[in-house]
């Protein structure tokens, strides 16, 4: 899945024989259901039988290449009766909200000019949170804390965090985990802690 899977970009995944398809899969278990995403599609499987419950069509936007954002899985998150995950469509990753029982796409977030959604979503004290990166004219990036409306996908709050050097884009890695009512983000050489309000602790 994805456009032109043979094109690897700058990461040399093919000559190094890296299992990029495997590494780009992400899973989530909820009760007797396994949800699987390959960054382009989301599917649900019955753990008791192994049968697929549903597998939904992709959004109407332009699909990116299979090896864009290589080796980075995009983990789904359950928020009430919905599943939220990043997808590789349009010009950069965006969030999409799915109905958990059927897989119907309910919303996708708006792509903003020169701003990339760089982290998986987290649920922090009831808030749907993810990190974005605003690309600045000097090739640096401004990391931002974004709170989304889980019903419709709009950004309801946003706060600037830290600036990253342009070299960050060579890996484009941002892993997040909830911690002490906020989150911790690892950014390929830098680690930051952010509280619930979007303030940098350290």
N, C-alpha and C. Protein backbone atom coordinates (compact mmCIF):
# COMPACT_ATOMS: atom_id res chain seq x y z
N UNK A 1 0.85 -1.19 0.00
CA UNK A 1 0.00 0.00 0.00
C UNK A 1 0.88 1.23 0.00
N UNK A 2 0.38 2.29 -0.64
CA UNK A 2 1.18 3.49 -0.80
C UNK A 2 1.66 3.57 -2.23
N UNK A 3 2.00 4.78 -2.65
CA UNK A 3 2.41 5.00 -4.04
C UNK A 3 3.88 4.63 -4.21
N UNK A 4 4.24 3.98 -5.31
CA UNK A 4 5.61 3.67 -5.72
C UNK A 4 6.43 3.07 -4.57
N UNK A 5 6.11 1.87 -4.12
CA UNK A 5 6.81 1.26 -2.98
C UNK A 5 8.30 1.04 -3.23
N UNK A 6 8.73 1.00 -4.51
CA UNK A 6 10.14 0.76 -4.80
C UNK A 6 11.00 2.00 -4.52
N UNK A 7 10.39 3.18 -4.40
CA UNK A 7 11.15 4.41 -4.17
C UNK A 7 11.39 4.60 -2.69
N UNK A 8 12.66 4.59 -2.28
CA UNK A 8 12.99 4.57 -0.87
C UNK A 8 13.40 5.93 -0.32
N UNK A 9 13.51 6.97 -1.13
CA UNK A 9 13.93 8.27 -0.62
C UNK A 9 15.40 8.24 -0.20
N UNK A 10 15.72 8.85 0.96
CA UNK A 10 17.12 8.99 1.38
C UNK A 10 17.56 7.93 2.39
N UNK A 11 16.72 7.02 2.79
CA UNK A 11 17.03 6.18 3.93
C UNK A 11 17.78 4.88 3.61
N UNK A 12 17.92 4.53 2.35
CA UNK A 12 18.65 3.34 1.92
C UNK A 12 18.08 2.08 2.55
N UNK A 13 16.78 2.01 2.68
CA UNK A 13 16.17 0.83 3.29
C UNK A 13 16.31 -0.40 2.41
N UNK A 14 16.26 -0.24 1.09
CA UNK A 14 16.36 -1.40 0.21
C UNK A 14 17.77 -1.99 0.16
N UNK A 15 18.85 -1.19 -0.07
CA UNK A 15 20.20 -1.78 -0.05
C UNK A 15 20.57 -2.41 1.29
N UNK A 16 20.08 -1.85 2.39
CA UNK A 16 20.38 -2.40 3.71
C UNK A 16 19.44 -3.55 4.10
N UNK A 17 18.49 -3.85 3.23
CA UNK A 17 17.53 -4.95 3.44
C UNK A 17 16.76 -4.80 4.76
N UNK A 18 16.38 -3.58 5.06
CA UNK A 18 15.60 -3.34 6.26
C UNK A 18 14.15 -3.76 6.03
N UNK A 19 13.52 -4.42 6.99
CA UNK A 19 12.12 -4.87 6.82
C UNK A 19 11.14 -3.71 7.03
N UNK A 20 11.14 -2.78 6.08
CA UNK A 20 10.39 -1.54 6.28
C UNK A 20 8.89 -1.77 6.35
N UNK A 21 8.38 -2.77 5.65
CA UNK A 21 6.94 -3.04 5.71
C UNK A 21 6.54 -3.45 7.14
N UNK A 22 7.31 -4.36 7.74
CA UNK A 22 7.02 -4.81 9.10
C UNK A 22 7.09 -3.65 10.09
N UNK A 23 8.14 -2.85 9.99
CA UNK A 23 8.37 -1.79 10.97
C UNK A 23 7.34 -0.68 10.87
N UNK A 24 6.66 -0.58 9.77
CA UNK A 24 5.67 0.48 9.59
C UNK A 24 4.26 0.05 9.98
N UNK A 25 4.10 -1.18 10.43
CA UNK A 25 2.81 -1.64 10.94
C UNK A 25 2.65 -1.24 12.40
N UNK A 26 1.42 -0.96 12.82
CA UNK A 26 1.12 -0.69 14.23
C UNK A 26 -0.18 -1.39 14.59
N UNK A 27 -0.26 -1.88 15.83
CA UNK A 27 -1.44 -2.63 16.27
C UNK A 27 -1.96 -2.10 17.60
N UNK A 28 -3.21 -2.41 17.88
CA UNK A 28 -3.86 -2.04 19.13
C UNK A 28 -4.92 -3.09 19.45
N UNK A 29 -4.89 -3.60 20.68
CA UNK A 29 -5.88 -4.61 21.11
C UNK A 29 -6.89 -3.94 22.02
N UNK A 30 -8.18 -4.17 21.74
CA UNK A 30 -9.27 -3.67 22.58
C UNK A 30 -10.27 -4.81 22.75
N UNK A 31 -10.28 -5.42 23.96
CA UNK A 31 -11.15 -6.57 24.17
C UNK A 31 -10.75 -7.71 23.26
N UNK A 32 -11.68 -8.19 22.45
CA UNK A 32 -11.43 -9.30 21.52
C UNK A 32 -11.18 -8.82 20.10
N UNK A 33 -10.82 -7.54 19.96
CA UNK A 33 -10.58 -6.99 18.62
C UNK A 33 -9.15 -6.49 18.50
N UNK A 34 -8.51 -6.83 17.40
CA UNK A 34 -7.18 -6.34 17.06
C UNK A 34 -7.32 -5.32 15.93
N UNK A 35 -6.84 -4.11 16.15
CA UNK A 35 -6.83 -3.08 15.11
C UNK A 35 -5.41 -2.97 14.54
N UNK A 36 -5.31 -2.92 13.23
CA UNK A 36 -4.02 -2.88 12.55
C UNK A 36 -4.03 -1.73 11.55
N UNK A 37 -2.95 -0.95 11.55
CA UNK A 37 -2.81 0.11 10.55
C UNK A 37 -1.43 0.02 9.90
N UNK A 38 -1.39 0.24 8.61
CA UNK A 38 -0.13 0.28 7.86
C UNK A 38 0.19 1.71 7.41
N UNK A 39 -0.44 2.70 8.05
CA UNK A 39 -0.25 4.13 7.80
C UNK A 39 -1.08 4.65 6.62
N UNK A 40 -1.75 3.74 5.93
CA UNK A 40 -2.64 4.12 4.83
C UNK A 40 -4.05 3.58 5.04
N UNK A 41 -4.19 2.46 5.74
CA UNK A 41 -5.48 1.83 5.96
C UNK A 41 -5.58 1.35 7.41
N UNK A 42 -6.81 1.19 7.88
CA UNK A 42 -7.08 0.66 9.21
C UNK A 42 -8.03 -0.52 9.06
N UNK A 43 -7.72 -1.62 9.77
CA UNK A 43 -8.56 -2.81 9.70
C UNK A 43 -8.75 -3.36 11.10
N UNK A 44 -9.88 -4.07 11.31
CA UNK A 44 -10.20 -4.68 12.60
C UNK A 44 -10.34 -6.19 12.41
N UNK A 45 -9.75 -6.97 13.35
CA UNK A 45 -9.78 -8.43 13.29
C UNK A 45 -10.33 -9.00 14.59
N UNK A 46 -11.08 -10.09 14.48
CA UNK A 46 -11.59 -10.82 15.63
C UNK A 46 -10.48 -11.72 16.16
N UNK A 47 -10.05 -11.50 17.42
CA UNK A 47 -8.94 -12.28 17.96
C UNK A 47 -9.31 -13.75 18.17
N UNK A 48 -10.58 -14.03 18.38
CA UNK A 48 -10.99 -15.43 18.61
C UNK A 48 -10.92 -16.26 17.34
N UNK A 49 -11.27 -15.66 16.21
CA UNK A 49 -11.35 -16.41 14.96
C UNK A 49 -10.27 -16.02 13.95
N UNK A 50 -9.66 -14.83 14.12
CA UNK A 50 -8.71 -14.34 13.13
C UNK A 50 -9.35 -13.70 11.92
N UNK A 51 -10.67 -13.68 11.87
CA UNK A 51 -11.37 -13.10 10.72
C UNK A 51 -11.36 -11.58 10.78
N UNK A 52 -11.33 -10.99 9.61
CA UNK A 52 -11.37 -9.53 9.53
C UNK A 52 -12.81 -9.05 9.69
N UNK A 53 -13.03 -8.14 10.64
CA UNK A 53 -14.37 -7.59 10.86
C UNK A 53 -14.69 -6.51 9.84
N UNK A 54 -13.73 -5.61 9.62
CA UNK A 54 -13.94 -4.57 8.62
C UNK A 54 -12.60 -4.03 8.15
N UNK A 55 -12.65 -3.43 6.99
CA UNK A 55 -11.47 -2.85 6.36
C UNK A 55 -11.99 -1.73 5.48
N UNK A 56 -11.67 -0.50 5.82
CA UNK A 56 -12.33 0.62 5.17
C UNK A 56 -11.52 1.22 4.04
N UNK A 57 -12.23 1.90 3.15
CA UNK A 57 -11.62 2.61 2.04
C UNK A 57 -10.73 3.72 2.58
N UNK A 58 -9.78 4.12 1.77
CA UNK A 58 -8.86 5.18 2.15
C UNK A 58 -9.52 6.54 1.91
N UNK A 59 -8.99 7.60 2.55
CA UNK A 59 -9.55 8.95 2.31
C UNK A 59 -9.36 9.37 0.86
N UNK A 60 -10.09 10.39 0.44
CA UNK A 60 -10.02 10.80 -0.97
C UNK A 60 -8.76 11.58 -1.32
N UNK A 61 -7.98 12.03 -0.33
CA UNK A 61 -6.79 12.83 -0.60
C UNK A 61 -5.70 12.00 -1.29
N UNK A 62 -4.69 12.70 -1.80
CA UNK A 62 -3.57 12.06 -2.49
C UNK A 62 -2.80 11.16 -1.52
N UNK A 63 -2.52 9.92 -1.94
CA UNK A 63 -1.76 8.98 -1.13
C UNK A 63 -0.27 9.25 -1.30
N UNK A 64 0.49 9.25 -0.20
CA UNK A 64 1.93 9.44 -0.26
C UNK A 64 2.63 8.12 -0.60
N UNK A 65 3.96 8.18 -0.75
CA UNK A 65 4.72 6.99 -1.11
C UNK A 65 4.79 6.01 0.06
N UNK A 66 4.94 4.72 -0.27
CA UNK A 66 5.02 3.69 0.76
C UNK A 66 6.17 3.93 1.73
N UNK A 67 7.29 4.48 1.24
CA UNK A 67 8.46 4.68 2.08
C UNK A 67 8.66 6.14 2.48
N UNK A 68 7.65 6.97 2.37
CA UNK A 68 7.71 8.28 3.02
C UNK A 68 7.60 8.07 4.52
N UNK A 69 8.27 8.89 5.31
CA UNK A 69 8.34 8.72 6.76
C UNK A 69 8.73 7.26 7.06
N UNK A 70 9.87 6.79 6.52
CA UNK A 70 10.19 5.36 6.57
C UNK A 70 10.49 4.87 7.98
N UNK A 71 10.11 3.62 8.23
CA UNK A 71 10.38 2.90 9.48
C UNK A 71 9.67 3.50 10.68
N UNK A 72 8.68 4.36 10.45
CA UNK A 72 7.95 4.99 11.54
C UNK A 72 6.52 4.47 11.55
N UNK A 73 6.16 3.62 12.52
CA UNK A 73 4.77 3.20 12.63
C UNK A 73 3.91 4.33 13.17
N UNK A 74 2.66 4.33 12.84
CA UNK A 74 1.74 5.38 13.29
C UNK A 74 0.61 4.71 14.07
N UNK A 75 0.72 4.79 15.41
CA UNK A 75 -0.12 3.99 16.30
C UNK A 75 -1.53 4.55 16.45
N UNK A 76 -2.52 3.69 16.39
CA UNK A 76 -3.91 4.12 16.60
C UNK A 76 -4.19 4.31 18.09
N UNK A 77 -5.23 5.08 18.38
CA UNK A 77 -5.63 5.40 19.75
C UNK A 77 -7.14 5.32 19.85
N UNK A 78 -7.66 4.64 20.88
CA UNK A 78 -9.10 4.59 21.10
C UNK A 78 -9.53 5.77 21.95
N UNK A 79 -10.52 6.51 21.46
CA UNK A 79 -11.09 7.65 22.18
C UNK A 79 -12.60 7.45 22.21
N UNK A 80 -13.11 6.86 23.29
CA UNK A 80 -14.54 6.58 23.37
C UNK A 80 -14.96 5.57 22.32
N UNK A 81 -15.90 5.95 21.46
CA UNK A 81 -16.38 5.05 20.42
C UNK A 81 -15.65 5.27 19.10
N UNK A 82 -14.47 5.90 19.17
CA UNK A 82 -13.73 6.21 17.96
C UNK A 82 -12.30 5.70 18.04
N UNK A 83 -11.67 5.57 16.88
CA UNK A 83 -10.25 5.28 16.80
C UNK A 83 -9.62 6.43 16.02
N UNK A 84 -8.54 6.97 16.57
CA UNK A 84 -7.85 8.08 15.92
C UNK A 84 -6.44 7.62 15.58
N UNK A 85 -6.00 7.90 14.36
CA UNK A 85 -4.65 7.52 13.96
C UNK A 85 -4.15 8.48 12.89
N UNK A 86 -2.83 8.53 12.73
CA UNK A 86 -2.26 9.30 11.62
C UNK A 86 -2.32 8.49 10.34
N UNK A 87 -2.50 9.19 9.22
CA UNK A 87 -2.49 8.56 7.90
C UNK A 87 -1.61 9.38 6.97
N UNK A 88 -0.99 8.70 5.98
CA UNK A 88 -0.10 9.38 5.03
C UNK A 88 -0.85 9.72 3.75
N UNK A 89 -1.58 10.80 3.80
CA UNK A 89 -2.29 11.31 2.63
C UNK A 89 -2.08 12.82 2.55
N UNK A 90 -2.46 13.40 1.41
CA UNK A 90 -2.28 14.82 1.17
C UNK A 90 -0.79 15.13 1.12
N UNK A 91 -0.34 16.26 1.69
CA UNK A 91 1.07 16.64 1.61
C UNK A 91 1.89 16.18 2.80
N UNK A 92 1.25 15.79 3.88
CA UNK A 92 1.95 15.35 5.08
C UNK A 92 0.96 14.58 5.95
N UNK A 93 1.44 13.88 6.99
CA UNK A 93 0.51 13.09 7.82
C UNK A 93 -0.60 13.95 8.42
N UNK A 94 -1.81 13.37 8.50
CA UNK A 94 -2.88 14.03 9.24
C UNK A 94 -3.57 13.02 10.13
N UNK A 95 -4.36 13.52 11.09
CA UNK A 95 -5.15 12.64 11.94
C UNK A 95 -6.47 12.31 11.26
N UNK A 96 -6.92 11.09 11.48
CA UNK A 96 -8.25 10.68 11.00
C UNK A 96 -8.98 10.00 12.14
N UNK A 97 -10.27 10.30 12.26
CA UNK A 97 -11.12 9.68 13.27
C UNK A 97 -12.05 8.67 12.60
N UNK A 98 -12.09 7.44 13.14
CA UNK A 98 -12.90 6.35 12.59
C UNK A 98 -13.93 5.91 13.62
N UNK A 99 -15.09 5.48 13.14
CA UNK A 99 -16.06 4.84 14.01
C UNK A 99 -15.52 3.45 14.37
N UNK A 100 -15.41 3.17 15.68
CA UNK A 100 -14.76 1.93 16.12
C UNK A 100 -15.50 0.68 15.68
N UNK A 101 -16.81 0.72 15.63
CA UNK A 101 -17.58 -0.49 15.34
C UNK A 101 -17.62 -0.83 13.85
N UNK A 102 -17.47 0.17 12.98
CA UNK A 102 -17.61 -0.07 11.54
C UNK A 102 -16.40 0.34 10.72
N UNK A 103 -15.53 1.18 11.27
CA UNK A 103 -14.39 1.68 10.50
C UNK A 103 -14.72 2.86 9.60
N UNK A 104 -15.93 3.38 9.69
CA UNK A 104 -16.30 4.52 8.86
C UNK A 104 -15.46 5.74 9.22
N UNK A 105 -14.94 6.44 8.21
CA UNK A 105 -14.17 7.66 8.46
C UNK A 105 -15.13 8.78 8.83
N UNK A 106 -14.91 9.37 10.00
CA UNK A 106 -15.78 10.43 10.49
C UNK A 106 -15.19 11.81 10.22
N UNK A 107 -13.87 11.94 10.29
CA UNK A 107 -13.23 13.23 10.03
C UNK A 107 -11.74 13.04 9.76
N UNK A 108 -11.16 14.03 9.11
CA UNK A 108 -9.71 14.14 8.98
C UNK A 108 -9.32 15.56 9.33
N UNK A 109 -8.13 15.74 9.89
CA UNK A 109 -7.69 17.08 10.24
C UNK A 109 -7.24 17.84 9.00
N UNK A 110 -7.31 19.15 9.10
CA UNK A 110 -6.90 20.02 8.00
C UNK A 110 -5.39 20.10 7.94
N UNK A 111 -4.82 19.97 6.73
CA UNK A 111 -3.39 20.19 6.56
C UNK A 111 -3.11 21.68 6.56
N UNK A 112 -2.12 22.11 7.36
CA UNK A 112 -1.76 23.52 7.44
C UNK A 112 -0.45 23.75 6.71
N UNK A 113 -0.33 24.90 6.06
CA UNK A 113 0.84 25.18 5.25
C UNK A 113 2.11 25.16 6.11
N UNK A 114 3.11 24.38 5.67
CA UNK A 114 4.42 24.27 6.31
C UNK A 114 4.35 23.74 7.74
N UNK A 115 3.29 23.01 8.07
CA UNK A 115 3.19 22.43 9.40
C UNK A 115 2.90 20.93 9.28
N UNK A 116 3.70 20.11 9.96
CA UNK A 116 3.62 18.66 9.87
C UNK A 116 3.15 18.08 11.19
N UNK A 117 2.29 17.10 11.14
CA UNK A 117 1.90 16.37 12.34
C UNK A 117 2.95 15.29 12.57
N UNK A 118 3.77 15.43 13.63
CA UNK A 118 4.96 14.58 13.77
C UNK A 118 4.83 13.51 14.85
N UNK A 119 3.76 13.50 15.64
CA UNK A 119 3.64 12.47 16.68
C UNK A 119 2.32 11.73 16.55
N UNK A 120 2.29 10.56 17.19
CA UNK A 120 1.03 9.86 17.35
C UNK A 120 0.14 10.63 18.33
N UNK A 121 -1.17 10.43 18.27
CA UNK A 121 -2.06 11.08 19.24
C UNK A 121 -2.01 10.38 20.59
N UNK A 122 -2.25 11.15 21.65
CA UNK A 122 -2.37 10.63 23.00
C UNK A 122 -3.63 11.20 23.63
N UNK A 123 -4.16 10.50 24.61
CA UNK A 123 -5.28 11.01 25.40
C UNK A 123 -4.72 11.42 26.76
N UNK A 124 -4.69 12.72 27.04
CA UNK A 124 -4.12 13.26 28.27
C UNK A 124 -5.24 13.93 29.06
N UNK A 125 -5.65 13.31 30.17
CA UNK A 125 -6.73 13.87 31.00
C UNK A 125 -7.95 14.23 30.18
N UNK A 126 -8.30 13.38 29.24
CA UNK A 126 -9.47 13.60 28.40
C UNK A 126 -9.23 14.42 27.16
N UNK A 127 -8.05 15.03 27.03
CA UNK A 127 -7.72 15.82 25.84
C UNK A 127 -7.02 14.97 24.79
N UNK A 128 -7.40 15.15 23.53
CA UNK A 128 -6.74 14.49 22.42
C UNK A 128 -5.57 15.37 21.99
N UNK A 129 -4.34 14.88 22.19
CA UNK A 129 -3.13 15.69 22.03
C UNK A 129 -2.19 15.06 21.02
N UNK A 130 -1.53 15.89 20.21
CA UNK A 130 -0.44 15.45 19.34
C UNK A 130 0.52 16.62 19.16
N UNK A 131 1.72 16.31 18.67
CA UNK A 131 2.73 17.34 18.43
C UNK A 131 2.86 17.60 16.94
N UNK A 132 3.03 18.88 16.59
CA UNK A 132 3.24 19.25 15.19
C UNK A 132 4.55 20.02 15.09
N UNK A 133 5.04 20.19 13.87
CA UNK A 133 6.28 20.93 13.62
C UNK A 133 6.02 21.96 12.53
N UNK A 134 6.19 23.24 12.87
CA UNK A 134 6.06 24.32 11.91
C UNK A 134 7.42 24.58 11.29
N UNK A 135 7.53 24.44 9.97
CA UNK A 135 8.79 24.66 9.27
C UNK A 135 9.02 26.16 9.10
N UNK A 136 10.17 26.64 9.59
CA UNK A 136 10.49 28.07 9.57
C UNK A 136 11.43 28.39 8.42
N UNK A 137 11.52 29.68 8.00
CA UNK A 137 12.33 30.04 6.84
C UNK A 137 13.81 29.69 6.97
N UNK A 138 14.35 29.65 8.20
CA UNK A 138 15.76 29.32 8.39
C UNK A 138 16.02 27.83 8.45
N UNK A 139 15.05 27.03 8.03
CA UNK A 139 15.14 25.56 8.00
C UNK A 139 15.03 24.91 9.36
N UNK A 140 14.84 25.69 10.42
CA UNK A 140 14.57 25.10 11.72
C UNK A 140 13.08 24.78 11.82
N UNK A 141 12.71 24.06 12.86
CA UNK A 141 11.31 23.73 13.05
C UNK A 141 10.85 24.10 14.44
N UNK A 142 9.65 24.62 14.55
CA UNK A 142 9.06 24.99 15.83
C UNK A 142 8.10 23.89 16.24
N UNK A 143 8.43 23.18 17.33
CA UNK A 143 7.59 22.10 17.82
C UNK A 143 6.41 22.69 18.58
N UNK A 144 5.21 22.17 18.31
CA UNK A 144 3.98 22.71 18.90
C UNK A 144 3.15 21.62 19.56
N UNK A 145 2.51 21.99 20.65
CA UNK A 145 1.60 21.12 21.39
C UNK A 145 0.18 21.45 20.92
N UNK A 146 -0.52 20.46 20.37
CA UNK A 146 -1.84 20.69 19.78
C UNK A 146 -2.89 19.85 20.50
N UNK A 147 -4.02 20.48 20.81
CA UNK A 147 -5.16 19.78 21.38
C UNK A 147 -6.28 19.79 20.34
N UNK A 148 -6.82 18.60 20.05
CA UNK A 148 -7.84 18.45 19.01
C UNK A 148 -9.20 18.12 19.62
N UNK A 149 -10.24 18.54 18.93
CA UNK A 149 -11.60 18.13 19.26
C UNK A 149 -11.79 16.69 18.77
N UNK A 150 -12.00 15.71 19.67
CA UNK A 150 -12.11 14.33 19.21
C UNK A 150 -13.37 14.05 18.40
N UNK A 151 -14.37 14.92 18.48
CA UNK A 151 -15.60 14.70 17.71
C UNK A 151 -15.46 15.12 16.25
N UNK A 152 -14.69 16.20 15.99
CA UNK A 152 -14.65 16.75 14.63
C UNK A 152 -13.23 16.94 14.09
N UNK A 153 -12.20 16.85 14.96
CA UNK A 153 -10.83 16.90 14.47
C UNK A 153 -10.19 18.27 14.39
N UNK A 154 -10.91 19.34 14.75
CA UNK A 154 -10.29 20.66 14.67
C UNK A 154 -9.33 20.89 15.83
N UNK A 155 -8.28 21.71 15.59
CA UNK A 155 -7.39 22.13 16.67
C UNK A 155 -8.12 23.16 17.52
N UNK A 156 -8.20 22.91 18.83
CA UNK A 156 -8.88 23.84 19.72
C UNK A 156 -7.90 24.65 20.57
N UNK A 157 -6.67 24.13 20.75
CA UNK A 157 -5.63 24.86 21.47
C UNK A 157 -4.28 24.48 20.88
N UNK A 158 -3.35 25.44 20.89
CA UNK A 158 -2.01 25.18 20.37
C UNK A 158 -1.01 26.04 21.12
N UNK A 159 0.13 25.45 21.48
CA UNK A 159 1.15 26.19 22.21
C UNK A 159 2.53 25.85 21.64
N UNK A 160 3.37 26.87 21.45
CA UNK A 160 4.74 26.66 20.97
C UNK A 160 5.59 26.05 22.09
N UNK A 161 6.48 25.11 21.73
CA UNK A 161 7.30 24.41 22.72
C UNK A 161 8.78 24.75 22.57
N UNK A 162 9.45 24.14 21.61
CA UNK A 162 10.90 24.33 21.42
C UNK A 162 11.19 24.37 19.93
N UNK A 163 12.40 24.87 19.61
CA UNK A 163 12.85 24.86 18.22
C UNK A 163 13.84 23.73 18.01
N UNK A 164 13.71 23.08 16.85
CA UNK A 164 14.59 21.98 16.47
C UNK A 164 15.42 22.38 15.27
N UNK A 165 16.66 21.95 15.24
CA UNK A 165 17.52 22.23 14.10
C UNK A 165 17.05 21.48 12.87
N UNK A 166 17.42 21.98 11.71
CA UNK A 166 16.99 21.36 10.47
C UNK A 166 17.43 19.93 10.32
N UNK A 167 18.50 19.52 11.00
CA UNK A 167 18.98 18.14 10.92
C UNK A 167 17.94 17.14 11.42
N UNK A 168 17.00 17.60 12.24
CA UNK A 168 15.97 16.68 12.75
C UNK A 168 15.22 16.02 11.60
N UNK A 169 15.04 16.73 10.52
CA UNK A 169 14.28 16.20 9.39
C UNK A 169 14.93 15.01 8.72
N UNK A 170 16.23 14.78 8.93
CA UNK A 170 16.89 13.62 8.34
C UNK A 170 16.32 12.32 8.87
N UNK A 171 15.82 12.35 10.11
CA UNK A 171 15.21 11.14 10.69
C UNK A 171 13.70 11.32 10.89
N UNK A 172 13.29 12.53 11.26
CA UNK A 172 11.87 12.86 11.44
C UNK A 172 11.19 11.95 12.46
N UNK A 173 11.93 11.60 13.52
CA UNK A 173 11.40 10.70 14.53
C UNK A 173 10.90 11.49 15.73
N UNK A 174 9.68 11.21 16.16
CA UNK A 174 9.11 11.83 17.36
C UNK A 174 8.23 10.78 18.04
N UNK A 175 8.74 10.20 19.12
CA UNK A 175 7.99 9.20 19.86
C UNK A 175 7.46 9.83 21.14
N UNK A 176 6.20 9.56 21.47
CA UNK A 176 5.57 10.18 22.63
C UNK A 176 4.97 9.12 23.54
N UNK A 177 4.91 9.45 24.83
CA UNK A 177 4.26 8.58 25.81
C UNK A 177 3.65 9.47 26.89
N UNK A 178 2.50 9.09 27.40
CA UNK A 178 1.88 9.86 28.49
C UNK A 178 2.67 9.63 29.77
N UNK A 179 2.76 10.67 30.61
CA UNK A 179 3.57 10.60 31.84
C UNK A 179 3.17 11.72 32.78
N UNK A 180 2.78 11.35 34.00
CA UNK A 180 2.47 12.29 35.08
C UNK A 180 1.50 13.40 34.64
N UNK A 181 0.43 13.00 34.01
CA UNK A 181 -0.57 13.97 33.59
C UNK A 181 -0.21 14.78 32.36
N UNK A 182 0.93 14.51 31.77
CA UNK A 182 1.36 15.18 30.54
C UNK A 182 1.95 14.15 29.60
N UNK A 183 3.05 14.52 28.94
CA UNK A 183 3.69 13.59 28.02
C UNK A 183 5.19 13.82 27.99
N UNK A 184 5.90 12.78 27.53
CA UNK A 184 7.33 12.86 27.25
C UNK A 184 7.50 12.58 25.76
N UNK A 185 8.37 13.37 25.10
CA UNK A 185 8.63 13.19 23.68
C UNK A 185 10.12 12.98 23.45
N UNK A 186 10.46 11.94 22.68
CA UNK A 186 11.84 11.69 22.26
C UNK A 186 11.96 12.08 20.79
N UNK A 187 12.94 12.93 20.51
CA UNK A 187 13.02 13.57 19.20
C UNK A 187 14.35 13.28 18.50
N UNK A 188 14.85 12.06 18.63
CA UNK A 188 16.08 11.71 17.95
C UNK A 188 17.28 12.49 18.43
N UNK A 189 17.54 12.47 19.73
CA UNK A 189 18.67 13.20 20.29
C UNK A 189 18.27 14.18 21.36
N UNK A 190 17.01 14.49 21.46
CA UNK A 190 16.50 15.39 22.50
C UNK A 190 15.26 14.77 23.12
N UNK A 191 15.11 14.93 24.43
CA UNK A 191 13.93 14.43 25.14
C UNK A 191 13.34 15.58 25.93
N UNK A 192 12.03 15.79 25.83
CA UNK A 192 11.39 16.86 26.57
C UNK A 192 10.16 16.33 27.29
N UNK A 193 9.85 16.98 28.42
CA UNK A 193 8.65 16.67 29.18
C UNK A 193 7.71 17.86 29.11
N UNK A 194 6.44 17.57 28.87
CA UNK A 194 5.43 18.61 28.66
C UNK A 194 4.25 18.33 29.58
N UNK A 195 3.76 19.35 30.27
CA UNK A 195 2.62 19.13 31.16
C UNK A 195 1.31 19.19 30.39
N UNK A 196 0.20 18.98 31.09
CA UNK A 196 -1.11 18.91 30.44
C UNK A 196 -1.46 20.19 29.70
N UNK A 197 -1.00 21.33 30.21
CA UNK A 197 -1.33 22.63 29.61
C UNK A 197 -0.44 22.96 28.40
N UNK A 198 0.52 22.09 28.09
CA UNK A 198 1.40 22.37 26.96
C UNK A 198 2.61 23.19 27.33
N UNK A 199 2.98 23.22 28.61
CA UNK A 199 4.18 23.92 29.08
C UNK A 199 5.32 22.93 29.17
N UNK A 200 6.53 23.37 28.79
CA UNK A 200 7.70 22.52 28.89
C UNK A 200 8.15 22.44 30.34
N UNK A 201 8.19 21.23 30.89
CA UNK A 201 8.71 21.04 32.25
C UNK A 201 10.23 21.03 32.24
N UNK A 202 10.80 20.24 31.34
CA UNK A 202 12.26 20.17 31.17
C UNK A 202 12.59 19.61 29.79
